[in-house]
Protein backbone atom coordinates (compact mmCIF):
# COMPACT_ATOMS: atom_id res chain seq x y z
CA UNK A 1 -0.01 0.00 0.00
CA UNK A 2 1.63 3.25 -1.12
CA UNK A 3 0.59 6.76 -0.17
CA UNK A 4 -0.66 9.00 -2.93
CA UNK A 5 2.31 10.75 -4.59
CA UNK A 6 2.69 14.34 -3.48
CA UNK A 7 -0.09 13.99 -0.93
CA UNK A 8 0.18 16.41 1.99
CA UNK A 9 -1.41 15.80 5.39
CA UNK A 10 -5.17 15.43 5.06
CA UNK A 11 -7.49 16.16 7.97
CA UNK A 12 -10.06 13.57 9.03
CA UNK A 13 -12.82 16.01 8.07
CA UNK A 14 -11.41 16.48 4.55
CA UNK A 15 -10.92 12.73 4.14
CA UNK A 16 -14.48 11.94 5.22
CA UNK A 17 -15.88 14.72 2.99
CA UNK A 18 -13.92 13.63 -0.08
CA UNK A 19 -14.16 9.86 0.19
CA UNK A 20 -17.82 9.55 -0.95
CA UNK A 21 -16.96 11.61 -4.05
CA UNK A 22 -13.86 9.65 -5.01
CA UNK A 23 -14.03 6.93 -7.70
CA UNK A 24 -11.31 5.08 -5.75
CA UNK A 25 -11.53 4.05 -2.08
CA UNK A 26 -8.73 5.18 0.21
CA UNK A 27 -7.60 4.02 3.60
CA UNK A 28 -6.46 6.76 5.98
CA UNK A 29 -3.59 6.46 8.42
CA UNK A 30 -2.70 9.48 10.51
CA UNK A 31 -3.26 12.05 7.76
CA UNK A 32 -1.96 10.01 4.80
CA UNK A 33 -4.32 8.39 2.32
CA UNK A 34 -3.67 5.14 0.48
CA UNK A 35 -5.50 4.13 -2.67
CA UNK A 36 -7.00 0.65 -2.63
CA UNK A 37 -6.70 -1.72 -5.56
CA UNK A 38 -9.71 -3.60 -6.85
CA UNK A 39 -10.16 -7.24 -5.92
CA UNK A 40 -10.24 -10.34 -8.08
CA UNK A 41 -13.30 -12.41 -8.93
CA UNK A 42 -12.28 -15.01 -6.32
CA UNK A 43 -11.76 -12.27 -3.70
CA UNK A 44 -15.21 -10.86 -4.38
CA UNK A 45 -16.94 -14.25 -4.44
CA UNK A 46 -15.43 -15.22 -1.06
CA UNK A 47 -16.52 -11.90 0.49
CA UNK A 48 -20.04 -12.34 -0.93
CA UNK A 49 -20.28 -15.94 0.33
CA UNK A 50 -19.21 -14.92 3.82
CA UNK A 51 -21.48 -11.88 3.86
CA UNK A 52 -24.50 -13.95 2.76
CA UNK A 53 -23.88 -16.61 5.42
CA UNK A 54 -23.30 -14.08 8.20
CA UNK A 55 -26.28 -11.94 7.17
CA UNK A 56 -28.62 -14.97 7.13
CA UNK A 57 -27.30 -16.01 10.55
CA UNK A 58 -27.70 -12.49 12.02
CA UNK A 59 -31.17 -11.89 10.60
CA UNK A 60 -33.65 -10.87 13.26
CA UNK A 61 -30.97 -10.05 15.84
CA UNK A 62 -29.04 -6.95 16.82
CA UNK A 63 -26.07 -7.61 14.50
CA UNK A 64 -25.46 -6.09 11.06
CA UNK A 65 -23.06 -7.28 8.37
CA UNK A 66 -21.35 -4.98 5.88
CA UNK A 67 -19.12 -5.70 2.91
CA UNK A 68 -16.30 -3.67 1.29
CA UNK A 69 -17.57 -0.09 1.42
CA UNK A 70 -17.99 0.64 5.11
CA UNK A 71 -14.91 1.81 7.00
CA UNK A 72 -13.73 0.91 10.48
CA UNK A 73 -12.44 3.89 12.45
CA UNK A 74 -9.67 3.49 15.01
CA UNK A 75 -7.71 5.86 17.21
CA UNK A 76 -4.22 4.56 17.96
CA UNK A 77 -1.63 6.64 19.80
CA UNK A 78 -3.60 9.79 18.98
CA UNK A 79 -3.78 9.04 15.25
CA UNK A 80 -7.00 8.43 13.36
CA UNK A 81 -7.06 5.40 11.12
CA UNK A 82 -9.75 4.29 8.70
CA UNK A 83 -9.62 0.84 7.08
CA UNK A 84 -12.05 -0.79 4.66
CA UNK A 85 -12.39 -4.44 5.78
CA UNK A 86 -13.78 -6.93 3.27
CA UNK A 87 -16.50 -8.05 5.71
CA UNK A 88 -17.37 -6.53 9.08
CA UNK A 89 -20.05 -7.33 11.62
CA UNK A 90 -21.22 -5.10 14.45
CA UNK A 91 -23.78 -5.76 17.16
CA UNK A 92 -23.20 -2.51 19.03
CA UNK A 93 -25.99 0.12 19.03
CA UNK A 94 -23.34 2.86 19.28
CA UNK A 95 -22.37 2.12 15.65
CA UNK A 96 -24.76 4.61 14.11
CA UNK A 97 -22.50 6.58 11.77
CA UNK A 98 -23.49 6.07 8.09
CA UNK A 99 -19.91 5.81 6.83
CA UNK A 100 -17.85 4.01 9.47
CA UNK A 101 -17.98 1.66 12.47
CA UNK A 102 -16.09 1.98 15.73
CA UNK A 103 -17.36 -1.08 17.60
CA UNK A 104 -17.13 -4.16 15.35
CA UNK A 105 -17.33 -7.67 16.80
CA UNK A 106 -15.94 -9.53 13.77
CA UNK A 107 -13.65 -8.36 10.94
CA UNK A 108 -12.75 -10.51 7.93
CA UNK A 109 -10.06 -9.75 5.34
CA UNK A 110 -9.70 -11.78 2.14
CA UNK A 111 -6.01 -12.03 1.41
CA UNK A 112 -4.34 -11.05 -1.84
CA UNK A 113 -0.70 -10.82 -2.87
CA UNK A 114 -0.75 -7.03 -2.44
CA UNK A 115 -2.53 -6.91 0.93
CA UNK A 116 -1.48 -10.06 2.79
CA UNK A 117 1.53 -8.58 4.60
CA UNK A 118 -0.49 -5.56 5.75
CA UNK A 119 -3.46 -7.72 6.79
CA UNK A 120 -1.24 -10.11 8.78
CA UNK A 121 0.85 -7.49 10.58
CA UNK A 122 -0.36 -3.89 10.55
CA UNK A 123 -4.10 -4.55 10.55
CA UNK A 124 -3.84 -7.39 13.06
CA UNK A 125 -2.06 -5.11 15.52
CA UNK A 126 -4.41 -2.21 14.84
CA UNK A 127 -7.66 -4.18 15.00
CA UNK A 128 -6.65 -5.82 18.29
CA UNK A 129 -6.94 -2.39 19.93
CA UNK A 130 -10.71 -2.33 19.33
CA UNK A 131 -12.26 -3.27 22.70
CA UNK A 132 -15.38 -4.83 21.10
CA UNK A 133 -13.50 -6.94 18.52
CA UNK A 134 -13.72 -10.62 19.40
CA UNK A 135 -12.43 -12.16 16.16
CA UNK A 136 -10.21 -11.18 13.23
CA UNK A 137 -10.25 -13.62 10.31
CA UNK A 138 -7.93 -13.92 7.31
CA UNK A 139 -9.21 -15.89 4.31
CA UNK A 140 -6.88 -17.10 1.58
CA UNK A 141 -8.29 -16.78 -1.91
CA UNK A 142 -5.95 -19.19 -3.70
CA UNK A 143 -6.55 -22.23 -1.44
CA UNK A 144 -9.15 -23.31 1.14
CA UNK A 145 -7.50 -21.87 4.24
CA UNK A 146 -8.75 -19.56 6.99
CA UNK A 147 -6.74 -18.13 9.88
CA UNK A 148 -8.62 -17.06 13.00
CA UNK A 149 -7.30 -14.63 15.61
CA UNK A 150 -9.55 -14.49 18.71
CA UNK A 151 -9.36 -12.26 21.73
CA UNK A 152 -10.34 -15.21 23.98
CA UNK A 153 -7.27 -17.11 22.69
CA UNK A 154 -4.87 -14.23 23.25
CA UNK A 155 -4.87 -13.43 19.50
CA UNK A 156 -2.94 -16.62 18.73
CA UNK A 157 -3.51 -17.85 15.16
CA UNK A 158 -5.70 -20.87 14.48
CA UNK A 159 -5.33 -22.12 10.89
CA UNK A 160 -7.96 -24.33 9.27
CA UNK A 161 -7.14 -25.92 5.88
CA UNK A 162 -9.06 -28.07 3.48
CA UNK A 163 -12.43 -27.78 1.72
CA UNK A 164 -13.77 -30.64 3.83
CA UNK A 165 -13.31 -28.73 7.10
CA UNK A 166 -15.92 -26.79 9.05
CA UNK A 167 -15.01 -23.46 10.63
CA UNK A 168 -16.70 -21.73 13.54
CA UNK A 169 -16.97 -17.99 13.87
CA UNK A 170 -17.07 -18.04 17.67
CA UNK A 171 -17.90 -14.33 17.92
CA UNK A 172 -21.30 -14.93 16.35
CA UNK A 173 -21.84 -18.65 16.93
CA UNK A 174 -21.83 -19.61 13.25
CA UNK A 175 -20.33 -22.84 11.90
CA UNK A 176 -19.74 -23.00 8.18
CA UNK A 177 -18.18 -25.56 5.87
CA UNK A 178 -15.12 -24.22 4.05
CA UNK A 179 -16.77 -25.55 0.89
CA UNK A 180 -19.47 -22.91 1.43
CA UNK A 181 -16.93 -20.13 1.97
CA UNK A 182 -15.27 -21.09 -1.31
CA UNK A 183 -18.48 -21.91 -3.22
CA UNK A 184 -17.98 -21.13 -6.93
CA UNK A 185 -14.34 -20.19 -6.37
CA UNK A 186 -12.65 -23.52 -7.07
CA UNK A 187 -13.93 -25.88 -9.76
């Protein structure tokens, strides 16, 4: 992720005002904005599969599921940060802003060659600072593999591999076959 060339410090207010008008989404880290690349067909399919399963599971309850275009806002060491997770779930009534969440329970990132290092290091460390976050999940798009990081497990990784496996999103009480996560991704 590279900052926009020649970009000076941008205030949170200017970022939030400009982002809905931009044809490209940008993540914001302490005044710098970073353009986000588009995802692959597999990336999108996985995010849609997860969103559909989580949304069906959450229906009728207090939780809401969002995909791709809703930011998560963090404040770390006095710096505002806005990330666009691939899938995010909140159950907190304080999350009323129309453009970002502050109190997610579950965040899922679908890995790609260009984002994997950031998702595994920077975002893992940043997301762990969210008091309401119970689970951070990384989903490979080139093989049936999901890595779970859970607050209750001290953020230690739990890797599940193989299309015949079933994974459990403990934060919301949903078990799902990996075959369903990767439906229409692998022939």
